[in-house]
Amino acid sequence: MMDLSTALERARTLRVRPVDMPSIDMPLTPRKVEIVRMVAAGLSNKAIATRLSISVRSVEAHLDQARTQLGFHNRAQLAAWAVANRLV
């Protein structure tokens, strides 16, 4: 498991452009970025599902895939990555 400082350092190395600026370096799909932004804003999986009109299980699947793609283990690391990349 990574501590917060390690997660922030890793997030800085995975820096991407904001979503509204297309980039071939973007490691996540626009939908995953949207969900990660909501996680960083403090929304629960249920709240995210309601806002996007998708199931909670779909939100969980997107988050699992985002964590795997970025090499993270929890939602706090995803939130730190979003903040470090100015996605929030």
PDB file of N, CA and C in Angstrom:
ATOM      1  N   MET A   1       0.838  -1.192   0.000  1.00  0.00           N
ATOM      2  CA  MET A   1       0.000   0.000   0.000  1.00  0.00           C
ATOM      3  C   MET A   1       0.877   1.247   0.000  1.00  0.00           C
ATOM      4  N   MET A   2       0.377   2.305  -0.625  1.00  0.00           N
ATOM      5  CA  MET A   2       1.104   3.566  -0.688  1.00  0.00           C
ATOM      6  C   MET A   2       0.604   4.514   0.384  1.00  0.00           C
ATOM      7  N   ASP A   3       1.527   5.271   0.969  1.00  0.00           N
ATOM      8  CA  ASP A   3       1.087   6.329   1.862  1.00  0.00           C
ATOM      9  C   ASP A   3       0.739   7.544   1.002  1.00  0.00           C
ATOM     10  N   LEU A   4       0.180   8.572   1.627  1.00  0.00           N
ATOM     11  CA  LEU A   4      -0.307   9.729   0.879  1.00  0.00           C
ATOM     12  C   LEU A   4       0.816  10.431   0.117  1.00  0.00           C
ATOM     13  N   SER A   5       1.980  10.611   0.741  1.00  0.00           N
ATOM     14  CA  SER A   5       3.066  11.316   0.048  1.00  0.00           C
ATOM     15  C   SER A   5       3.556  10.536  -1.167  1.00  0.00           C
ATOM     16  N   THR A   6       3.595   9.208  -1.059  1.00  0.00           N
ATOM     17  CA  THR A   6       3.990   8.383  -2.201  1.00  0.00           C
ATOM     18  C   THR A   6       2.946   8.477  -3.307  1.00  0.00           C
ATOM     19  N   ALA A   7       1.667   8.462  -2.910  1.00  0.00           N
ATOM     20  CA  ALA A   7       0.581   8.569  -3.889  1.00  0.00           C
ATOM     21  C   ALA A   7       0.631   9.905  -4.613  1.00  0.00           C
ATOM     22  N   LEU A   8       0.894  10.983  -3.875  1.00  0.00           N
ATOM     23  CA  LEU A   8       0.987  12.298  -4.511  1.00  0.00           C
ATOM     24  C   LEU A   8       2.170  12.365  -5.472  1.00  0.00           C
ATOM     25  N   GLU A   9       3.300  11.794  -5.082  1.00  0.00           N
ATOM     26  CA  GLU A   9       4.463  11.784  -5.965  1.00  0.00           C
ATOM     27  C   GLU A   9       4.167  10.988  -7.236  1.00  0.00           C
ATOM     28  N   ARG A  10       3.519   9.844  -7.079  1.00  0.00           N
ATOM     29  CA  ARG A  10       3.139   9.038  -8.244  1.00  0.00           C
ATOM     30  C   ARG A  10       2.155   9.796  -9.118  1.00  0.00           C
ATOM     31  N   ALA A  11       1.216  10.501  -8.483  1.00  0.00           N
ATOM     32  CA  ALA A  11       0.233  11.281  -9.236  1.00  0.00           C
ATOM     33  C   ALA A  11       0.926  12.348 -10.074  1.00  0.00           C
ATOM     34  N   ARG A  12       1.955  12.957  -9.514  1.00  0.00           N
ATOM     35  CA  ARG A  12       2.682  13.986 -10.269  1.00  0.00           C
ATOM     36  C   ARG A  12       3.379  13.399 -11.490  1.00  0.00           C
ATOM     37  N   THR A  13       3.848  12.165 -11.382  1.00  0.00           N
ATOM     38  CA  THR A  13       4.521  11.535 -12.524  1.00  0.00           C
ATOM     39  C   THR A  13       3.523  11.096 -13.580  1.00  0.00           C
ATOM     40  N   LEU A  14       2.247  10.940 -13.205  1.00  0.00           N
ATOM     41  CA  LEU A  14       1.203  10.543 -14.149  1.00  0.00           C
ATOM     42  C   LEU A  14       0.396  11.748 -14.613  1.00  0.00           C
ATOM     43  N   ARG A  15       0.993  12.931 -14.539  1.00  0.00           N
ATOM     44  CA  ARG A  15       0.294  14.169 -14.875  1.00  0.00           C
ATOM     45  C   ARG A  15      -0.294  14.119 -16.289  1.00  0.00           C
ATOM     46  N   VAL A  16      -1.497  14.628 -16.417  1.00  0.00           N
ATOM     47  CA  VAL A  16      -2.179  14.684 -17.705  1.00  0.00           C
ATOM     48  C   VAL A  16      -2.738  16.083 -17.913  1.00  0.00           C
ATOM     49  N   ARG A  17      -3.195  16.350 -19.107  1.00  0.00           N
ATOM     50  CA  ARG A  17      -3.862  17.613 -19.391  1.00  0.00           C
ATOM     51  C   ARG A  17      -5.304  17.548 -18.917  1.00  0.00           C
ATOM     52  N   PRO A  18      -5.935  18.720 -18.666  1.00  0.00           N
ATOM     53  CA  PRO A  18      -7.350  18.709 -18.307  1.00  0.00           C
ATOM     54  C   PRO A  18      -8.178  18.014 -19.380  1.00  0.00           C
ATOM     55  N   VAL A  19      -9.322  17.489 -19.004  1.00  0.00           N
ATOM     56  CA  VAL A  19     -10.166  16.705 -19.901  1.00  0.00           C
ATOM     57  C   VAL A  19     -10.589  17.487 -21.133  1.00  0.00           C
ATOM     58  N   ASP A  20     -10.818  18.788 -20.998  1.00  0.00           N
ATOM     59  CA  ASP A  20     -11.283  19.558 -22.152  1.00  0.00           C
ATOM     60  C   ASP A  20     -10.169  19.809 -23.171  1.00  0.00           C
ATOM     61  N   MET A  21      -8.943  19.385 -22.866  1.00  0.00           N
ATOM     62  CA  MET A  21      -7.832  19.479 -23.808  1.00  0.00           C
ATOM     63  C   MET A  21      -7.451  18.065 -24.222  1.00  0.00           C
ATOM     64  N   PRO A  22      -7.824  17.633 -25.413  1.00  0.00           N
ATOM     65  CA  PRO A  22      -7.524  16.272 -25.841  1.00  0.00           C
ATOM     66  C   PRO A  22      -6.040  15.953 -25.741  1.00  0.00           C
ATOM     67  N   SER A  23      -5.753  14.742 -25.319  1.00  0.00           N
ATOM     68  CA  SER A  23      -4.369  14.322 -25.174  1.00  0.00           C
ATOM     69  C   SER A  23      -4.275  12.824 -25.398  1.00  0.00           C
ATOM     70  N   ILE A  24      -3.302  12.397 -26.160  1.00  0.00           N
ATOM     71  CA  ILE A  24      -3.109  10.966 -26.335  1.00  0.00           C
ATOM     72  C   ILE A  24      -2.463  10.360 -25.096  1.00  0.00           C
ATOM     73  N   ASP A  25      -1.980  11.215 -24.168  1.00  0.00           N
ATOM     74  CA  ASP A  25      -1.349  10.749 -22.946  1.00  0.00           C
ATOM     75  C   ASP A  25      -2.352  10.443 -21.839  1.00  0.00           C
ATOM     76  N   MET A  26      -3.628  10.757 -22.048  1.00  0.00           N
ATOM     77  CA  MET A  26      -4.640  10.551 -21.019  1.00  0.00           C
ATOM     78  C   MET A  26      -4.776   9.064 -20.724  1.00  0.00           C
ATOM     79  N   PRO A  27      -4.454   8.654 -19.486  1.00  0.00           N
ATOM     80  CA  PRO A  27      -4.506   7.229 -19.168  1.00  0.00           C
ATOM     81  C   PRO A  27      -5.915   6.690 -18.933  1.00  0.00           C
ATOM     82  N   LEU A  28      -6.893   7.582 -18.761  1.00  0.00           N
ATOM     83  CA  LEU A  28      -8.265   7.149 -18.478  1.00  0.00           C
ATOM     84  C   LEU A  28      -9.226   7.658 -19.543  1.00  0.00           C
ATOM     85  N   THR A  29     -10.337   6.948 -19.697  1.00  0.00           N
ATOM     86  CA  THR A  29     -11.390   7.395 -20.604  1.00  0.00           C
ATOM     87  C   THR A  29     -12.067   8.631 -20.009  1.00  0.00           C
ATOM     88  N   PRO A  30     -12.738   9.417 -20.829  1.00  0.00           N
ATOM     89  CA  PRO A  30     -13.455  10.582 -20.300  1.00  0.00           C
ATOM     90  C   PRO A  30     -14.458  10.204 -19.206  1.00  0.00           C
ATOM     91  N   ARG A  31     -15.139   9.070 -19.334  1.00  0.00           N
ATOM     92  CA  ARG A  31     -16.109   8.651 -18.322  1.00  0.00           C
ATOM     93  C   ARG A  31     -15.424   8.339 -16.994  1.00  0.00           C
ATOM     94  N   LYS A  32     -14.288   7.665 -17.064  1.00  0.00           N
ATOM     95  CA  LYS A  32     -13.548   7.358 -15.835  1.00  0.00           C
ATOM     96  C   LYS A  32     -13.048   8.643 -15.177  1.00  0.00           C
ATOM     97  N   VAL A  33     -12.554   9.583 -15.976  1.00  0.00           N
ATOM     98  CA  VAL A  33     -12.098  10.861 -15.437  1.00  0.00           C
ATOM     99  C   VAL A  33     -13.260  11.583 -14.761  1.00  0.00           C
ATOM    100  N   GLU A  34     -14.422  11.568 -15.386  1.00  0.00           N
ATOM    101  CA  GLU A  34     -15.610  12.204 -14.813  1.00  0.00           C
ATOM    102  C   GLU A  34     -15.930  11.608 -13.436  1.00  0.00           C
ATOM    103  N   ILE A  35     -15.860  10.298 -13.340  1.00  0.00           N
ATOM    104  CA  ILE A  35     -16.157   9.622 -12.074  1.00  0.00           C
ATOM    105  C   ILE A  35     -15.069   9.913 -11.043  1.00  0.00           C
ATOM    106  N   VAL A  36     -13.814   9.906 -11.457  1.00  0.00           N
ATOM    107  CA  VAL A  36     -12.716  10.216 -10.527  1.00  0.00           C
ATOM    108  C   VAL A  36     -12.850  11.648 -10.026  1.00  0.00           C
ATOM    109  N   ARG A  37     -13.250  12.566 -10.891  1.00  0.00           N
ATOM    110  CA  ARG A  37     -13.488  13.950 -10.458  1.00  0.00           C
ATOM    111  C   ARG A  37     -14.539  14.003  -9.359  1.00  0.00           C
ATOM    112  N   MET A  38     -15.603  13.230  -9.516  1.00  0.00           N
ATOM    113  CA  MET A  38     -16.667  13.213  -8.518  1.00  0.00           C
ATOM    114  C   MET A  38     -16.194  12.596  -7.208  1.00  0.00           C
ATOM    115  N   VAL A  39     -15.350  11.576  -7.298  1.00  0.00           N
ATOM    116  CA  VAL A  39     -14.762  10.989  -6.092  1.00  0.00           C
ATOM    117  C   VAL A  39     -13.932  12.048  -5.368  1.00  0.00           C
ATOM    118  N   ALA A  40     -13.120  12.781  -6.126  1.00  0.00           N
ATOM    119  CA  ALA A  40     -12.272  13.825  -5.535  1.00  0.00           C
ATOM    120  C   ALA A  40     -13.106  14.941  -4.917  1.00  0.00           C
ATOM    121  N   ALA A  41     -14.310  15.136  -5.438  1.00  0.00           N
ATOM    122  CA  ALA A  41     -15.211  16.148  -4.884  1.00  0.00           C
ATOM    123  C   ALA A  41     -15.942  15.635  -3.648  1.00  0.00           C
ATOM    124  N   GLY A  42     -15.731  14.364  -3.310  1.00  0.00           N
ATOM    125  CA  GLY A  42     -16.311  13.816  -2.092  1.00  0.00           C
ATOM    126  C   GLY A  42     -17.620  13.069  -2.246  1.00  0.00           C
ATOM    127  N   LEU A  43     -18.040  12.816  -3.471  1.00  0.00           N
ATOM    128  CA  LEU A  43     -19.296  12.103  -3.682  1.00  0.00           C
ATOM    129  C   LEU A  43     -19.138  10.606  -3.445  1.00  0.00           C
ATOM    130  N   SER A  44     -20.175  10.001  -2.924  1.00  0.00           N
ATOM    131  CA  SER A  44     -20.194   8.548  -2.718  1.00  0.00           C
ATOM    132  C   SER A  44     -20.490   7.861  -4.050  1.00  0.00           C
ATOM    133  N   ASN A  45     -20.266   6.560  -4.092  1.00  0.00           N
ATOM    134  CA  ASN A  45     -20.574   5.800  -5.307  1.00  0.00           C
ATOM    135  C   ASN A  45     -22.055   5.919  -5.654  1.00  0.00           C
ATOM    136  N   LYS A  46     -22.900   5.876  -4.637  1.00  0.00           N
ATOM    137  CA  LYS A  46     -24.341   5.983  -4.872  1.00  0.00           C
ATOM    138  C   LYS A  46     -24.707   7.350  -5.449  1.00  0.00           C
ATOM    139  N   ALA A  47     -24.106   8.406  -4.916  1.00  0.00           N
ATOM    140  CA  ALA A  47     -24.381   9.754  -5.424  1.00  0.00           C
ATOM    141  C   ALA A  47     -23.892   9.910  -6.860  1.00  0.00           C
ATOM    142  N   ILE A  48     -22.728   9.345  -7.154  1.00  0.00           N
ATOM    143  CA  ILE A  48     -22.190   9.399  -8.517  1.00  0.00           C
ATOM    144  C   ILE A  48     -23.128   8.653  -9.463  1.00  0.00           C
ATOM    145  N   ALA A  49     -23.567   7.469  -9.050  1.00  0.00           N
ATOM    146  CA  ALA A  49     -24.478   6.667  -9.884  1.00  0.00           C
ATOM    147  C   ALA A  49     -25.759   7.439 -10.174  1.00  0.00           C
ATOM    148  N   THR A  50     -26.296   8.089  -9.178  1.00  0.00           N
ATOM    149  CA  THR A  50     -27.534   8.864  -9.354  1.00  0.00           C
ATOM    150  C   THR A  50     -27.319  10.013 -10.332  1.00  0.00           C
ATOM    151  N   ARG A  51     -26.233  10.755 -10.164  1.00  0.00           N
ATOM    152  CA  ARG A  51     -25.953  11.897 -11.055  1.00  0.00           C
ATOM    153  C   ARG A  51     -25.748  11.467 -12.502  1.00  0.00           C
ATOM    154  N   LEU A  52     -25.142  10.305 -12.702  1.00  0.00           N
ATOM    155  CA  LEU A  52     -24.832   9.855 -14.064  1.00  0.00           C
ATOM    156  C   LEU A  52     -25.880   8.905 -14.634  1.00  0.00           C
ATOM    157  N   SER A  53     -26.888   8.588 -13.836  1.00  0.00           N
ATOM    158  CA  SER A  53     -27.948   7.656 -14.251  1.00  0.00           C
ATOM    159  C   SER A  53     -27.378   6.298 -14.659  1.00  0.00           C
ATOM    160  N   ILE A  54     -26.451   5.801 -13.834  1.00  0.00           N
ATOM    161  CA  ILE A  54     -25.894   4.471 -14.035  1.00  0.00           C
ATOM    162  C   ILE A  54     -25.995   3.723 -12.711  1.00  0.00           C
ATOM    163  N   SER A  55     -25.707   2.444 -12.731  1.00  0.00           N
ATOM    164  CA  SER A  55     -25.795   1.661 -11.500  1.00  0.00           C
ATOM    165  C   SER A  55     -24.569   1.890 -10.613  1.00  0.00           C
ATOM    166  N   VAL A  56     -24.752   1.628  -9.332  1.00  0.00           N
ATOM    167  CA  VAL A  56     -23.636   1.716  -8.396  1.00  0.00           C
ATOM    168  C   VAL A  56     -22.545   0.729  -8.814  1.00  0.00           C
ATOM    169  N   ARG A  57     -22.949  -0.434  -9.280  1.00  0.00           N
ATOM    170  CA  ARG A  57     -21.973  -1.432  -9.738  1.00  0.00           C
ATOM    171  C   ARG A  57     -21.144  -0.905 -10.911  1.00  0.00           C
ATOM    172  N   SER A  58     -21.749  -0.140 -11.802  1.00  0.00           N
ATOM    173  CA  SER A  58     -21.002   0.456 -12.922  1.00  0.00           C
ATOM    174  C   SER A  58     -19.968   1.455 -12.404  1.00  0.00           C
ATOM    175  N   VAL A  59     -20.364   2.246 -11.407  1.00  0.00           N
ATOM    176  CA  VAL A  59     -19.424   3.193 -10.802  1.00  0.00           C
ATOM    177  C   VAL A  59     -18.261   2.418 -10.195  1.00  0.00           C
ATOM    178  N   GLU A  60     -18.567   1.362  -9.440  1.00  0.00           N
ATOM    179  CA  GLU A  60     -17.522   0.541  -8.825  1.00  0.00           C
ATOM    180  C   GLU A  60     -16.584  -0.048  -9.872  1.00  0.00           C
ATOM    181  N   ALA A  61     -17.146  -0.497 -10.982  1.00  0.00           N
ATOM    182  CA  ALA A  61     -16.325  -1.084 -12.051  1.00  0.00           C
ATOM    183  C   ALA A  61     -15.404  -0.031 -12.662  1.00  0.00           C
ATOM    184  N   HIS A  62     -15.933   1.163 -12.929  1.00  0.00           N
ATOM    185  CA  HIS A  62     -15.101   2.243 -13.470  1.00  0.00           C
ATOM    186  C   HIS A  62     -13.968   2.583 -12.507  1.00  0.00           C
ATOM    187  N   LEU A  63     -14.280   2.652 -11.214  1.00  0.00           N
ATOM    188  CA  LEU A  63     -13.257   2.985 -10.221  1.00  0.00           C
ATOM    189  C   LEU A  63     -12.215   1.879 -10.102  1.00  0.00           C
ATOM    190  N   ASP A  64     -12.649   0.635 -10.137  1.00  0.00           N
ATOM    191  CA  ASP A  64     -11.698  -0.487 -10.098  1.00  0.00           C
ATOM    192  C   ASP A  64     -10.745  -0.417 -11.283  1.00  0.00           C
ATOM    193  N   GLN A  65     -11.302  -0.164 -12.469  1.00  0.00           N
ATOM    194  CA  GLN A  65     -10.478  -0.088 -13.673  1.00  0.00           C
ATOM    195  C   GLN A  65      -9.529   1.106 -13.610  1.00  0.00           C
ATOM    196  N   ALA A  66     -10.002   2.245 -13.118  1.00  0.00           N
ATOM    197  CA  ALA A  66      -9.144   3.430 -13.004  1.00  0.00           C
ATOM    198  C   ALA A  66      -8.003   3.171 -12.028  1.00  0.00           C
ATOM    199  N   ARG A  67      -8.311   2.550 -10.891  1.00  0.00           N
ATOM    200  CA  ARG A  67      -7.253   2.226  -9.916  1.00  0.00           C
ATOM    201  C   ARG A  67      -6.217   1.295 -10.532  1.00  0.00           C
ATOM    202  N   THR A  68      -6.684   0.302 -11.260  1.00  0.00           N
ATOM    203  CA  THR A  68      -5.771  -0.651 -11.896  1.00  0.00           C
ATOM    204  C   THR A  68      -4.898   0.048 -12.939  1.00  0.00           C
ATOM    205  N   GLN A  69      -5.507   0.874 -13.779  1.00  0.00           N
ATOM    206  CA  GLN A  69      -4.763   1.567 -14.831  1.00  0.00           C
ATOM    207  C   GLN A  69      -3.698   2.498 -14.260  1.00  0.00           C
ATOM    208  N   LEU A  70      -3.996   3.119 -13.117  1.00  0.00           N
ATOM    209  CA  LEU A  70      -3.066   4.080 -12.534  1.00  0.00           C
ATOM    210  C   LEU A  70      -2.151   3.458 -11.482  1.00  0.00           C
ATOM    211  N   GLY A  71      -2.413   2.210 -11.127  1.00  0.00           N
ATOM    212  CA  GLY A  71      -1.581   1.538 -10.137  1.00  0.00           C
ATOM    213  C   GLY A  71      -1.892   1.924  -8.707  1.00  0.00           C
ATOM    214  N   PHE A  72      -3.128   2.353  -8.451  1.00  0.00           N
ATOM    215  CA  PHE A  72      -3.538   2.772  -7.113  1.00  0.00           C
ATOM    216  C   PHE A  72      -4.336   1.671  -6.430  1.00  0.00           C
ATOM    217  N   HIS A  73      -4.496   1.834  -5.101  1.00  0.00           N
ATOM    218  CA  HIS A  73      -5.193   0.819  -4.317  1.00  0.00           C
ATOM    219  C   HIS A  73      -6.477   1.313  -3.663  1.00  0.00           C
ATOM    220  N   ASN A  74      -6.709   2.623  -3.645  1.00  0.00           N
ATOM    221  CA  ASN A  74      -7.923   3.123  -2.984  1.00  0.00           C
ATOM    222  C   ASN A  74      -8.384   4.441  -3.594  1.00  0.00           C
ATOM    223  N   ARG A  75      -9.562   4.876  -3.175  1.00  0.00           N
ATOM    224  CA  ARG A  75     -10.158   6.077  -3.751  1.00  0.00           C
ATOM    225  C   ARG A  75      -9.425   7.340  -3.316  1.00  0.00           C
ATOM    226  N   ALA A  76      -8.765   7.313  -2.157  1.00  0.00           N
ATOM    227  CA  ALA A  76      -7.997   8.477  -1.717  1.00  0.00           C
ATOM    228  C   ALA A  76      -6.844   8.748  -2.687  1.00  0.00           C
ATOM    229  N   GLN A  77      -6.219   7.693  -3.166  1.00  0.00           N
ATOM    230  CA  GLN A  77      -5.136   7.854  -4.133  1.00  0.00           C
ATOM    231  C   GLN A  77      -5.680   8.399  -5.454  1.00  0.00           C
ATOM    232  N   LEU A  78      -6.856   7.941  -5.852  1.00  0.00           N
ATOM    233  CA  LEU A  78      -7.486   8.486  -7.067  1.00  0.00           C
ATOM    234  C   LEU A  78      -7.785   9.970  -6.885  1.00  0.00           C
ATOM    235  N   ALA A  79      -8.301  10.336  -5.719  1.00  0.00           N
ATOM    236  CA  ALA A  79      -8.621  11.739  -5.443  1.00  0.00           C
ATOM    237  C   ALA A  79      -7.354  12.588  -5.471  1.00  0.00           C
ATOM    238  N   ALA A  80      -6.274  12.080  -4.885  1.00  0.00           N
ATOM    239  CA  ALA A  80      -4.998  12.818  -4.893  1.00  0.00           C
ATOM    240  C   ALA A  80      -4.499  13.002  -6.316  1.00  0.00           C
ATOM    241  N   TRP A  81      -4.628  11.955  -7.131  1.00  0.00           N
ATOM    242  CA  TRP A  81      -4.211  12.040  -8.532  1.00  0.00           C
ATOM    243  C   TRP A  81      -5.028  13.119  -9.262  1.00  0.00           C
ATOM    244  N   ALA A  82      -6.343  13.144  -9.011  1.00  0.00           N
ATOM    245  CA  ALA A  82      -7.213  14.133  -9.662  1.00  0.00           C
ATOM    246  C   ALA A  82      -6.808  15.548  -9.279  1.00  0.00           C
ATOM    247  N   VAL A  83      -6.509  15.756  -8.005  1.00  0.00           N
ATOM    248  CA  VAL A  83      -6.104  17.081  -7.534  1.00  0.00           C
ATOM    249  C   VAL A  83      -4.744  17.457  -8.134  1.00  0.00           C
ATOM    250  N   ALA A  84      -3.802  16.527  -8.121  1.00  0.00           N
ATOM    251  CA  ALA A  84      -2.468  16.799  -8.658  1.00  0.00           C
ATOM    252  C   ALA A  84      -2.515  17.136 -10.142  1.00  0.00           C
ATOM    253  N   ASN A  85      -3.515  16.618 -10.833  1.00  0.00           N
ATOM    254  CA  ASN A  85      -3.638  16.861 -12.278  1.00  0.00           C
ATOM    255  C   ASN A  85      -4.667  17.931 -12.616  1.00  0.00           C
ATOM    256  N   ARG A  86      -5.073  18.670 -11.594  1.00  0.00           N
ATOM    257  CA  ARG A  86      -6.021  19.788 -11.765  1.00  0.00           C
ATOM    258  C   ARG A  86      -7.311  19.373 -12.459  1.00  0.00           C
ATOM    259  N   LEU A  87      -7.786  18.189 -12.117  1.00  0.00           N
ATOM    260  CA  LEU A  87      -9.049  17.706 -12.696  1.00  0.00           C
ATOM    261  C   LEU A  87     -10.240  18.116 -11.836  1.00  0.00           C
ATOM    262  N   VAL A  88      -9.959  18.679 -10.675  1.00  0.00           N
ATOM    263  CA  VAL A  88     -11.038  19.085  -9.764  1.00  0.00           C
ATOM    264  C   VAL A  88     -11.024  20.576  -9.633  1.00  0.00           C
TER     265      VAL A  88
END
